[in-house]
Amino acid sequence: MMEIPKILMLVGVVFLALGILLQLIGKVPGDILFKKGNTTFFFPIVSCIIISIILSVILSLLSRFK
């Protein structure tokens, strides 16, 4: 069984890599952005889906070590 510190470091590395990737890409294509006058509405639908998939994979991998 993996130790908790190793799991936390792995999750941290994954989030760090994802953060660097998003900084390099900039805005994720597919996110919804409306600008009209002084009003701006931003809904990161694609970003939410990507984060959900990554978290699902991580949690699935972690559940196999129990």
PDB file of N, CA and C in Angstrom:
ATOM      1  N   MET A   1       0.842  -1.187   0.000  1.00  0.00           N
ATOM      2  CA  MET A   1       0.000   0.000   0.000  1.00  0.00           C
ATOM      3  C   MET A   1       0.882   1.244   0.000  1.00  0.00           C
ATOM      4  N   MET A   2       0.519   2.219  -0.830  1.00  0.00           N
ATOM      5  CA  MET A   2       1.278   3.470  -0.888  1.00  0.00           C
ATOM      6  C   MET A   2       1.036   4.280   0.372  1.00  0.00           C
ATOM      7  N   GLU A   3       2.031   4.980   0.768  1.00  0.00           N
ATOM      8  CA  GLU A   3       1.899   5.838   1.931  1.00  0.00           C
ATOM      9  C   GLU A   3       1.200   7.137   1.539  1.00  0.00           C
ATOM     10  N   ILE A   4       0.511   7.733   2.501  1.00  0.00           N
ATOM     11  CA  ILE A   4      -0.237   8.973   2.258  1.00  0.00           C
ATOM     12  C   ILE A   4       0.668  10.090   1.736  1.00  0.00           C
ATOM     13  N   PRO A   5       1.873  10.302   2.284  1.00  0.00           N
ATOM     14  CA  PRO A   5       2.722  11.380   1.737  1.00  0.00           C
ATOM     15  C   PRO A   5       3.056  11.193   0.256  1.00  0.00           C
ATOM     16  N   LYS A   6       3.284   9.953  -0.156  1.00  0.00           N
ATOM     17  CA  LYS A   6       3.586   9.700  -1.562  1.00  0.00           C
ATOM     18  C   LYS A   6       2.377  10.013  -2.447  1.00  0.00           C
ATOM     19  N   ILE A   7       1.196   9.655  -1.968  1.00  0.00           N
ATOM     20  CA  ILE A   7      -0.026   9.939  -2.718  1.00  0.00           C
ATOM     21  C   ILE A   7      -0.229  11.442  -2.851  1.00  0.00           C
ATOM     22  N   LEU A   8      -0.035  12.167  -1.757  1.00  0.00           N
ATOM     23  CA  LEU A   8      -0.192  13.628  -1.802  1.00  0.00           C
ATOM     24  C   LEU A   8       0.822  14.280  -2.729  1.00  0.00           C
ATOM     25  N   MET A   9       2.050  13.767  -2.741  1.00  0.00           N
ATOM     26  CA  MET A   9       3.057  14.310  -3.658  1.00  0.00           C
ATOM     27  C   MET A   9       2.677  14.034  -5.106  1.00  0.00           C
ATOM     28  N   LEU A  10       2.148  12.856  -5.385  1.00  0.00           N
ATOM     29  CA  LEU A  10       1.717  12.520  -6.741  1.00  0.00           C
ATOM     30  C   LEU A  10       0.586  13.426  -7.200  1.00  0.00           C
ATOM     31  N   VAL A  11      -0.397  13.636  -6.332  1.00  0.00           N
ATOM     32  CA  VAL A  11      -1.513  14.519  -6.668  1.00  0.00           C
ATOM     33  C   VAL A  11      -1.001  15.946  -6.875  1.00  0.00           C
ATOM     34  N   GLY A  12      -0.070  16.383  -6.042  1.00  0.00           N
ATOM     35  CA  GLY A  12       0.507  17.717  -6.181  1.00  0.00           C
ATOM     36  C   GLY A  12       1.239  17.895  -7.501  1.00  0.00           C
ATOM     37  N   VAL A  13       1.986  16.880  -7.912  1.00  0.00           N
ATOM     38  CA  VAL A  13       2.715  16.944  -9.183  1.00  0.00           C
ATOM     39  C   VAL A  13       1.740  17.008 -10.355  1.00  0.00           C
ATOM     40  N   VAL A  14       0.658  16.246 -10.271  1.00  0.00           N
ATOM     41  CA  VAL A  14      -0.348  16.262 -11.338  1.00  0.00           C
ATOM     42  C   VAL A  14      -0.971  17.650 -11.449  1.00  0.00           C
ATOM     43  N   PHE A  15      -1.342  18.242 -10.306  1.00  0.00           N
ATOM     44  CA  PHE A  15      -1.933  19.581 -10.341  1.00  0.00           C
ATOM     45  C   PHE A  15      -0.929  20.640 -10.809  1.00  0.00           C
ATOM     46  N   LEU A  16       0.333  20.492 -10.431  1.00  0.00           N
ATOM     47  CA  LEU A  16       1.361  21.418 -10.890  1.00  0.00           C
ATOM     48  C   LEU A  16       1.517  21.349 -12.403  1.00  0.00           C
ATOM     49  N   ALA A  17       1.559  20.130 -12.930  1.00  0.00           N
ATOM     50  CA  ALA A  17       1.682  19.955 -14.380  1.00  0.00           C
ATOM     51  C   ALA A  17       0.471  20.525 -15.103  1.00  0.00           C
ATOM     52  N   LEU A  18      -0.709  20.299 -14.549  1.00  0.00           N
ATOM     53  CA  LEU A  18      -1.925  20.838 -15.157  1.00  0.00           C
ATOM     54  C   LEU A  18      -1.914  22.365 -15.130  1.00  0.00           C
ATOM     55  N   GLY A  19      -1.476  22.945 -14.030  1.00  0.00           N
ATOM     56  CA  GLY A  19      -1.396  24.402 -13.926  1.00  0.00           C
ATOM     57  C   GLY A  19      -0.421  25.003 -14.924  1.00  0.00           C
ATOM     58  N   ILE A  20       0.742  24.380 -15.061  1.00  0.00           N
ATOM     59  CA  ILE A  20       1.731  24.862 -16.035  1.00  0.00           C
ATOM     60  C   ILE A  20       1.181  24.742 -17.447  1.00  0.00           C
ATOM     61  N   LEU A  21       0.524  23.626 -17.738  1.00  0.00           N
ATOM     62  CA  LEU A  21      -0.054  23.432 -19.071  1.00  0.00           C
ATOM     63  C   LEU A  21      -1.106  24.485 -19.377  1.00  0.00           C
ATOM     64  N   LEU A  22      -1.970  24.771 -18.416  1.00  0.00           N
ATOM     65  CA  LEU A  22      -3.004  25.779 -18.643  1.00  0.00           C
ATOM     66  C   LEU A  22      -2.407  27.171 -18.788  1.00  0.00           C
ATOM     67  N   GLN A  23      -1.316  27.470 -18.085  1.00  0.00           N
ATOM     68  CA  GLN A  23      -0.660  28.764 -18.245  1.00  0.00           C
ATOM     69  C   GLN A  23      -0.062  28.903 -19.646  1.00  0.00           C
ATOM     70  N   LEU A  24       0.499  27.820 -20.159  1.00  0.00           N
ATOM     71  CA  LEU A  24       1.099  27.862 -21.491  1.00  0.00           C
ATOM     72  C   LEU A  24       0.042  27.972 -22.587  1.00  0.00           C
ATOM     73  N   ILE A  25      -1.066  27.284 -22.397  1.00  0.00           N
ATOM     74  CA  ILE A  25      -2.136  27.303 -23.400  1.00  0.00           C
ATOM     75  C   ILE A  25      -2.895  28.618 -23.349  1.00  0.00           C
ATOM     76  N   GLY A  26      -3.065  29.154 -22.134  1.00  0.00           N
ATOM     77  CA  GLY A  26      -3.891  30.351 -21.976  1.00  0.00           C
ATOM     78  C   GLY A  26      -5.318  29.917 -21.734  1.00  0.00           C
ATOM     79  N   LYS A  27      -6.217  30.473 -22.451  1.00  0.00           N
ATOM     80  CA  LYS A  27      -7.631  30.129 -22.313  1.00  0.00           C
ATOM     81  C   LYS A  27      -7.888  28.787 -22.994  1.00  0.00           C
ATOM     82  N   VAL A  28      -8.599  27.930 -22.309  1.00  0.00           N
ATOM     83  CA  VAL A  28      -8.927  26.616 -22.871  1.00  0.00           C
ATOM     84  C   VAL A  28      -9.991  26.804 -23.935  1.00  0.00           C
ATOM     85  N   PRO A  29      -9.754  26.275 -25.155  1.00  0.00           N
ATOM     86  CA  PRO A  29     -10.775  26.409 -26.203  1.00  0.00           C
ATOM     87  C   PRO A  29     -12.042  25.662 -25.809  1.00  0.00           C
ATOM     88  N   GLY A  30     -13.171  26.279 -26.024  1.00  0.00           N
ATOM     89  CA  GLY A  30     -14.444  25.669 -25.693  1.00  0.00           C
ATOM     90  C   GLY A  30     -15.102  26.295 -24.482  1.00  0.00           C
ATOM     91  N   ASP A  31     -14.341  27.050 -23.689  1.00  0.00           N
ATOM     92  CA  ASP A  31     -14.947  27.758 -22.569  1.00  0.00           C
ATOM     93  C   ASP A  31     -15.807  28.888 -23.104  1.00  0.00           C
ATOM     94  N   ILE A  32     -16.889  29.180 -22.402  1.00  0.00           N
ATOM     95  CA  ILE A  32     -17.862  30.162 -22.870  1.00  0.00           C
ATOM     96  C   ILE A  32     -17.546  31.526 -22.265  1.00  0.00           C
ATOM     97  N   LEU A  33     -17.432  32.539 -23.107  1.00  0.00           N
ATOM     98  CA  LEU A  33     -17.142  33.893 -22.655  1.00  0.00           C
ATOM     99  C   LEU A  33     -18.049  34.864 -23.408  1.00  0.00           C
ATOM    100  N   PHE A  34     -18.874  35.588 -22.667  1.00  0.00           N
ATOM    101  CA  PHE A  34     -19.738  36.619 -23.246  1.00  0.00           C
ATOM    102  C   PHE A  34     -19.305  37.964 -22.712  1.00  0.00           C
ATOM    103  N   LYS A  35     -19.090  38.925 -23.600  1.00  0.00           N
ATOM    104  CA  LYS A  35     -18.785  40.303 -23.207  1.00  0.00           C
ATOM    105  C   LYS A  35     -19.764  41.216 -23.913  1.00  0.00           C
ATOM    106  N   LYS A  36     -20.466  42.035 -23.131  1.00  0.00           N
ATOM    107  CA  LYS A  36     -21.399  42.986 -23.706  1.00  0.00           C
ATOM    108  C   LYS A  36     -21.375  44.225 -22.817  1.00  0.00           C
ATOM    109  N   GLY A  37     -20.838  45.294 -23.335  1.00  0.00           N
ATOM    110  CA  GLY A  37     -20.733  46.521 -22.549  1.00  0.00           C
ATOM    111  C   GLY A  37     -19.822  46.322 -21.348  1.00  0.00           C
ATOM    112  N   ASN A  38     -20.341  46.629 -20.172  1.00  0.00           N
ATOM    113  CA  ASN A  38     -19.562  46.465 -18.945  1.00  0.00           C
ATOM    114  C   ASN A  38     -19.776  45.104 -18.285  1.00  0.00           C
ATOM    115  N   THR A  39     -20.515  44.217 -18.933  1.00  0.00           N
ATOM    116  CA  THR A  39     -20.843  42.924 -18.352  1.00  0.00           C
ATOM    117  C   THR A  39     -20.011  41.827 -19.016  1.00  0.00           C
ATOM    118  N   THR A  40     -19.420  40.970 -18.192  1.00  0.00           N
ATOM    119  CA  THR A  40     -18.660  39.831 -18.690  1.00  0.00           C
ATOM    120  C   THR A  40     -19.150  38.581 -17.978  1.00  0.00           C
ATOM    121  N   PHE A  41     -19.443  37.520 -18.740  1.00  0.00           N
ATOM    122  CA  PHE A  41     -19.851  36.239 -18.185  1.00  0.00           C
ATOM    123  C   PHE A  41     -18.903  35.174 -18.712  1.00  0.00           C
ATOM    124  N   PHE A  42     -18.263  34.454 -17.815  1.00  0.00           N
ATOM    125  CA  PHE A  42     -17.318  33.406 -18.184  1.00  0.00           C
ATOM    126  C   PHE A  42     -17.760  32.100 -17.552  1.00  0.00           C
ATOM    127  N   PHE A  43     -17.962  31.059 -18.357  1.00  0.00           N
ATOM    128  CA  PHE A  43     -18.341  29.739 -17.856  1.00  0.00           C
ATOM    129  C   PHE A  43     -17.347  28.716 -18.397  1.00  0.00           C
ATOM    130  N   PRO A  44     -16.456  28.219 -17.526  1.00  0.00           N
ATOM    131  CA  PRO A  44     -15.388  27.305 -17.986  1.00  0.00           C
ATOM    132  C   PRO A  44     -15.855  25.852 -18.094  1.00  0.00           C
ATOM    133  N   ILE A  45     -16.758  25.560 -19.010  1.00  0.00           N
ATOM    134  CA  ILE A  45     -17.334  24.226 -19.143  1.00  0.00           C
ATOM    135  C   ILE A  45     -16.285  23.185 -19.515  1.00  0.00           C
ATOM    136  N   VAL A  46     -15.423  23.474 -20.459  1.00  0.00           N
ATOM    137  CA  VAL A  46     -14.414  22.506 -20.888  1.00  0.00           C
ATOM    138  C   VAL A  46     -13.386  22.296 -19.784  1.00  0.00           C
ATOM    139  N   SER A  47     -12.999  23.368 -19.108  1.00  0.00           N
ATOM    140  CA  SER A  47     -12.055  23.245 -18.000  1.00  0.00           C
ATOM    141  C   SER A  47     -12.632  22.377 -16.888  1.00  0.00           C
ATOM    142  N   CYS A  48     -13.908  22.540 -16.588  1.00  0.00           N
ATOM    143  CA  CYS A  48     -14.566  21.730 -15.556  1.00  0.00           C
ATOM    144  C   CYS A  48     -14.587  20.259 -15.948  1.00  0.00           C
ATOM    145  N   ILE A  49     -14.834  19.981 -17.206  1.00  0.00           N
ATOM    146  CA  ILE A  49     -14.858  18.589 -17.680  1.00  0.00           C
ATOM    147  C   ILE A  49     -13.468  17.973 -17.588  1.00  0.00           C
ATOM    148  N   ILE A  50     -12.436  18.717 -17.984  1.00  0.00           N
ATOM    149  CA  ILE A  50     -11.064  18.217 -17.923  1.00  0.00           C
ATOM    150  C   ILE A  50     -10.659  17.929 -16.484  1.00  0.00           C
ATOM    151  N   ILE A  51     -10.951  18.855 -15.566  1.00  0.00           N
ATOM    152  CA  ILE A  51     -10.618  18.660 -14.158  1.00  0.00           C
ATOM    153  C   ILE A  51     -11.381  17.466 -13.594  1.00  0.00           C
ATOM    154  N   SER A  52     -12.638  17.300 -13.967  1.00  0.00           N
ATOM    155  CA  SER A  52     -13.437  16.172 -13.503  1.00  0.00           C
ATOM    156  C   SER A  52     -12.850  14.844 -13.968  1.00  0.00           C
ATOM    157  N   ILE A  53     -12.415  14.777 -15.203  1.00  0.00           N
ATOM    158  CA  ILE A  53     -11.816  13.547 -15.729  1.00  0.00           C
ATOM    159  C   ILE A  53     -10.514  13.231 -15.000  1.00  0.00           C
ATOM    160  N   ILE A  54      -9.682  14.235 -14.794  1.00  0.00           N
ATOM    161  CA  ILE A  54      -8.403  14.022 -14.101  1.00  0.00           C
ATOM    162  C   ILE A  54      -8.637  13.549 -12.669  1.00  0.00           C
ATOM    163  N   LEU A  55      -9.559  14.192 -11.959  1.00  0.00           N
ATOM    164  CA  LEU A  55      -9.849  13.777 -10.588  1.00  0.00           C
ATOM    165  C   LEU A  55     -10.445  12.372 -10.539  1.00  0.00           C
ATOM    166  N   SER A  56     -11.272  12.027 -11.500  1.00  0.00           N
ATOM    167  CA  SER A  56     -11.846  10.682 -11.544  1.00  0.00           C
ATOM    168  C   SER A  56     -10.761   9.627 -11.738  1.00  0.00           C
ATOM    169  N   VAL A  57      -9.809   9.904 -12.606  1.00  0.00           N
ATOM    170  CA  VAL A  57      -8.707   8.962 -12.839  1.00  0.00           C
ATOM    171  C   VAL A  57      -7.853   8.823 -11.582  1.00  0.00           C
ATOM    172  N   ILE A  58      -7.524   9.954 -10.947  1.00  0.00           N
ATOM    173  CA  ILE A  58      -6.702   9.912  -9.733  1.00  0.00           C
ATOM    174  C   ILE A  58      -7.411   9.136  -8.625  1.00  0.00           C
ATOM    175  N   LEU A  59      -8.674   9.420  -8.396  1.00  0.00           N
ATOM    176  CA  LEU A  59      -9.412   8.722  -7.342  1.00  0.00           C
ATOM    177  C   LEU A  59      -9.597   7.244  -7.663  1.00  0.00           C
ATOM    178  N   SER A  60      -9.745   6.912  -8.930  1.00  0.00           N
ATOM    179  CA  SER A  60      -9.857   5.516  -9.333  1.00  0.00           C
ATOM    180  C   SER A  60      -8.548   4.775  -9.045  1.00  0.00           C
ATOM    181  N   LEU A  61      -7.431   5.415  -9.359  1.00  0.00           N
ATOM    182  CA  LEU A  61      -6.132   4.803  -9.086  1.00  0.00           C
ATOM    183  C   LEU A  61      -5.897   4.640  -7.586  1.00  0.00           C
ATOM    184  N   LEU A  62      -6.298   5.653  -6.821  1.00  0.00           N
ATOM    185  CA  LEU A  62      -6.119   5.577  -5.372  1.00  0.00           C
ATOM    186  C   LEU A  62      -6.977   4.490  -4.750  1.00  0.00           C
ATOM    187  N   SER A  63      -8.168   4.259  -5.296  1.00  0.00           N
ATOM    188  CA  SER A  63      -9.055   3.240  -4.724  1.00  0.00           C
ATOM    189  C   SER A  63      -8.530   1.826  -4.987  1.00  0.00           C
ATOM    190  N   ARG A  64      -7.706   1.646  -5.994  1.00  0.00           N
ATOM    191  CA  ARG A  64      -7.154   0.327  -6.293  1.00  0.00           C
ATOM    192  C   ARG A  64      -6.071  -0.075  -5.302  1.00  0.00           C
ATOM    193  N   PHE A  65      -5.476   0.904  -4.600  1.00  0.00           N
ATOM    194  CA  PHE A  65      -4.408   0.608  -3.651  1.00  0.00           C
ATOM    195  C   PHE A  65      -4.940   0.208  -2.283  1.00  0.00           C
ATOM    196  N   LYS A  66      -6.249   0.246  -2.082  1.00  0.00           N
ATOM    197  CA  LYS A  66      -6.799  -0.127  -0.772  1.00  0.00           C
ATOM    198  C   LYS A  66      -6.882  -1.611  -0.615  1.00  0.00           C
TER     199      LYS A  66
END
